[in-house]
C-alpha cells in the first residue's frame, strides 16, 4: 500500500506541475455532466466477464486540462467450482483526477483516483465474506462529442491492488448547463 501511495502522490504532483503555467484559468467546479452506466464489463480473475451498472458525474475542471470526476458502481458475478457456486459482488464509490489531452474532436485522458470498494463473497455452502478496502486506481480513455449536449466515452479502469481485475466502460454522457468537453 505504501508503494501505491507513493505512485499516486508522484502522479498527482506531475499533474499539478503540468498545470502551473495556466495562471489565467479559474477552476470551474460543479456538476457539469452525468452518465448512467449500464452493461459495464468487469473482468475478474476466476470469475470471467461480469455485468455491472452505475452512475457517473463530471465535477468540473481544476485547471485547463485537469478534470475531476467520480461515481458509484456495482458489479456481480459467480463461478462454479468443486460442485459449489460462489457469488462475488462489489459496490464502489470513487473520485478520479484526470489529465485531458484535447486533440481536434477527441479528448483522450489519463486519470488516477481513490475509491472505497465494498466486496461481498457468498459461497453456496459456508459463511459470507465481506471486506471494505480503500482502492487507488488508474484509468484512461477518450471522449467524443456526438451532440452539443452529449458525449460518448470509452474508458478502462484498474485498481492498483489487483491488476487481474479491470473494468471496461462505454457511456453516453449528458452535459448539464453550458459547460462540457466539446464546444
Protein backbone atom coordinates (compact mmCIF):
# COMPACT_ATOMS: atom_id res chain seq x y z
CA UNK A 1 0.00 0.00 0.00
CA UNK A 2 2.89 2.38 0.73
CA UNK A 3 4.27 1.88 -2.80
CA UNK A 4 0.84 2.66 -4.25
CA UNK A 5 0.56 5.85 -2.19
CA UNK A 6 3.99 7.00 -3.44
CA UNK A 7 2.93 6.36 -7.06
CA UNK A 8 -0.33 8.30 -6.58
CA UNK A 9 1.39 11.25 -4.91
CA UNK A 10 4.01 11.35 -7.68
CA UNK A 11 1.35 11.30 -10.43
CA UNK A 12 -0.69 14.00 -8.69
CA UNK A 13 2.43 16.17 -8.29
CA UNK A 14 3.20 15.71 -12.02
CA UNK A 15 -0.38 16.71 -12.94
CA UNK A 16 -0.24 19.81 -10.75
CA UNK A 17 3.20 20.82 -12.05
CA UNK A 18 1.95 20.50 -15.64
CA UNK A 19 -0.88 22.90 -14.83
CA UNK A 20 1.33 25.58 -13.22
CA UNK A 21 1.64 27.61 -16.44
CA UNK A 22 -2.14 28.10 -16.73
CA UNK A 23 -2.32 31.06 -14.30
CA UNK A 24 -5.22 32.77 -16.15
CA UNK A 25 -7.57 29.78 -15.83
CA UNK A 26 -10.04 29.79 -12.96
CA UNK A 27 -11.27 26.42 -11.64
CA UNK A 28 -14.81 25.52 -12.67
CA UNK A 29 -16.03 23.08 -10.02
CA UNK A 30 -19.61 21.85 -10.04
CA UNK A 31 -21.80 19.18 -11.57
CA UNK A 32 -21.17 19.57 -15.32
CA UNK A 33 -22.39 16.27 -16.77
CA UNK A 34 -23.80 12.89 -15.75
CA UNK A 35 -24.00 9.39 -17.17
CA UNK A 36 -25.82 6.22 -16.28
CA UNK A 37 -23.60 3.22 -16.91
CA UNK A 38 -25.37 0.00 -17.89
CA UNK A 39 -23.74 -3.16 -19.17
CA UNK A 40 -20.28 -2.30 -17.92
CA UNK A 41 -17.91 -5.23 -18.14
CA UNK A 42 -15.72 -6.19 -15.20
CA UNK A 43 -13.04 -8.71 -15.98
CA UNK A 44 -12.16 -10.52 -12.73
CA UNK A 45 -9.63 -13.33 -12.47
CA UNK A 46 -11.52 -16.60 -11.92
CA UNK A 47 -14.96 -15.03 -12.46
CA UNK A 48 -14.65 -14.09 -16.14
CA UNK A 49 -16.56 -11.13 -17.58
CA UNK A 50 -19.23 -9.76 -15.24
CA UNK A 51 -22.06 -7.25 -15.82
CA UNK A 52 -22.48 -4.06 -13.85
CA UNK A 53 -24.17 -0.68 -13.71
CA UNK A 54 -23.59 2.68 -12.07
CA UNK A 55 -23.82 6.45 -12.07
CA UNK A 56 -21.00 8.79 -13.10
CA UNK A 57 -20.58 12.56 -12.76
CA UNK A 58 -18.16 15.16 -14.15
CA UNK A 59 -17.36 17.58 -11.31
CA UNK A 60 -15.62 20.16 -13.47
CA UNK A 61 -12.14 21.46 -14.15
CA UNK A 62 -9.41 22.11 -11.60
CA UNK A 63 -7.36 23.76 -14.36
CA UNK A 64 -7.48 23.97 -18.15
CA UNK A 65 -6.53 20.29 -18.72
CA UNK A 66 -7.13 18.80 -15.26
CA UNK A 67 -10.63 17.48 -14.55
CA UNK A 68 -12.39 15.80 -11.66
CA UNK A 69 -15.00 13.05 -11.95
CA UNK A 70 -16.45 10.32 -9.80
CA UNK A 71 -19.18 7.82 -9.45
CA UNK A 72 -20.79 4.86 -7.83
CA UNK A 73 -20.92 1.44 -9.47
CA UNK A 74 -21.98 -2.12 -8.75
CA UNK A 75 -21.00 -5.36 -10.42
CA UNK A 76 -21.69 -9.03 -9.70
CA UNK A 77 -20.58 -12.44 -10.87
CA UNK A 78 -20.50 -16.09 -9.94
CA UNK A 79 -18.40 -19.17 -10.59
CA UNK A 80 -18.78 -22.94 -10.22
CA UNK A 81 -16.00 -24.87 -8.55
CA UNK A 82 -15.93 -28.06 -6.54
CA UNK A 83 -19.70 -28.53 -7.12
CA UNK A 84 -20.43 -25.24 -5.38
CA UNK A 85 -21.50 -21.83 -6.72
CA UNK A 86 -19.72 -18.79 -5.30
CA UNK A 87 -21.17 -15.31 -5.83
CA UNK A 88 -18.97 -12.21 -5.80
CA UNK A 89 -20.17 -8.60 -5.87
CA UNK A 90 -18.68 -5.14 -5.40
CA UNK A 91 -20.12 -1.71 -4.66
CA UNK A 92 -17.60 1.08 -5.31
CA UNK A 93 -17.63 4.83 -4.70
CA UNK A 94 -14.70 6.70 -6.27
CA UNK A 95 -13.17 10.03 -7.35
CA UNK A 96 -10.72 10.45 -10.24
CA UNK A 97 -8.42 13.33 -11.18
CA UNK A 98 -7.86 13.15 -14.93
CA UNK A 99 -5.45 14.86 -17.28
CA UNK A 100 -7.20 15.66 -20.58
CA UNK A 101 -5.32 15.86 -23.90
CA UNK A 102 -7.76 17.57 -26.32
CA UNK A 103 -6.98 16.61 -29.94
CA UNK A 104 -9.38 18.10 -32.51
CA UNK A 105 -12.74 16.46 -31.67
CA UNK A 106 -11.42 13.70 -29.37
CA UNK A 107 -10.38 14.21 -25.76
CA UNK A 108 -8.12 11.35 -24.62
CA UNK A 109 -7.37 11.31 -20.89
CA UNK A 110 -5.31 9.59 -18.21
CA UNK A 111 -6.51 9.59 -14.62
CA UNK A 112 -5.68 8.46 -11.10
CA UNK A 113 -8.06 8.26 -8.21
CA UNK A 114 -9.19 6.72 -4.99
CA UNK A 115 -12.27 4.74 -4.16
CA UNK A 116 -13.93 2.70 -1.45
CA UNK A 117 -14.75 -0.85 -2.58
CA UNK A 118 -17.19 -2.99 -0.61
CA UNK A 119 -16.74 -6.62 -1.67
CA UNK A 120 -19.05 -9.49 -0.79
CA UNK A 121 -18.25 -13.17 -1.47
CA UNK A 122 -21.03 -15.66 -0.80
CA UNK A 123 -20.27 -19.39 -1.18
CA UNK A 124 -23.24 -21.74 -1.61
CA UNK A 125 -22.08 -23.67 1.47
CA UNK A 126 -20.28 -21.60 4.06
CA UNK A 127 -20.11 -18.17 5.59
CA UNK A 128 -20.34 -14.91 3.66
CA UNK A 129 -17.12 -12.90 3.47
CA UNK A 130 -17.28 -9.10 3.38
CA UNK A 131 -14.46 -6.59 3.15
CA UNK A 132 -14.21 -2.87 2.59
CA UNK A 133 -10.98 -1.50 1.16
CA UNK A 134 -9.55 1.82 0.10
CA UNK A 135 -8.60 1.28 -3.55
CA UNK A 136 -6.31 3.58 -5.57
CA UNK A 137 -6.94 3.20 -9.30
CA UNK A 138 -5.72 4.34 -12.69
CA UNK A 139 -7.89 4.82 -15.74
CA UNK A 140 -7.67 6.04 -19.30
CA UNK A 141 -9.96 6.55 -22.24
CA UNK A 142 -11.37 9.10 -24.64
CA UNK A 143 -14.45 11.26 -25.09
CA UNK A 144 -16.04 12.20 -28.39
CA UNK A 145 -18.87 14.74 -28.87
CA UNK A 146 -21.90 13.40 -30.72
CA UNK A 147 -24.21 16.33 -29.94
CA UNK A 148 -23.93 19.76 -28.29
CA UNK A 149 -25.33 18.26 -25.05
CA UNK A 150 -23.93 14.72 -25.33
CA UNK A 151 -20.55 12.96 -25.49
CA UNK A 152 -19.74 9.29 -25.85
CA UNK A 153 -16.87 7.92 -23.78
CA UNK A 154 -14.81 4.73 -23.73
CA UNK A 155 -12.79 4.03 -20.56
CA UNK A 156 -10.76 1.29 -18.90
CA UNK A 157 -10.13 1.35 -15.12
CA UNK A 158 -7.89 -0.88 -12.98
CA UNK A 159 -7.25 -0.93 -9.24
CA UNK A 160 -3.63 -0.85 -8.03
CA UNK A 161 -4.35 -3.70 -5.59
CA UNK A 162 -5.39 -6.22 -8.26
CA UNK A 163 -4.18 -5.85 -11.86
CA UNK A 164 -6.03 -9.05 -12.84
CA UNK A 165 -9.37 -7.25 -12.42
CA UNK A 166 -10.31 -4.28 -14.59
CA UNK A 167 -13.43 -2.58 -15.92
CA UNK A 168 -14.38 -1.57 -19.46
CA UNK A 169 -16.96 1.18 -19.94
CA UNK A 170 -18.81 2.79 -22.82
CA UNK A 171 -21.02 5.65 -21.69
CA UNK A 172 -23.30 8.31 -23.14
CA UNK A 173 -22.55 11.46 -21.13
CA UNK A 174 -25.29 14.07 -20.81
CA UNK A 175 -23.97 17.62 -20.33
CA UNK A 176 -25.70 19.96 -17.91
CA UNK A 177 -25.66 23.72 -18.43
CA UNK A 178 -23.33 25.34 -20.94
CA UNK A 179 -20.05 23.66 -19.95
CA UNK A 180 -18.69 20.43 -21.34
CA UNK A 181 -15.73 18.88 -23.08
CA UNK A 182 -16.87 19.55 -26.62
CA UNK A 183 -17.59 23.11 -27.62
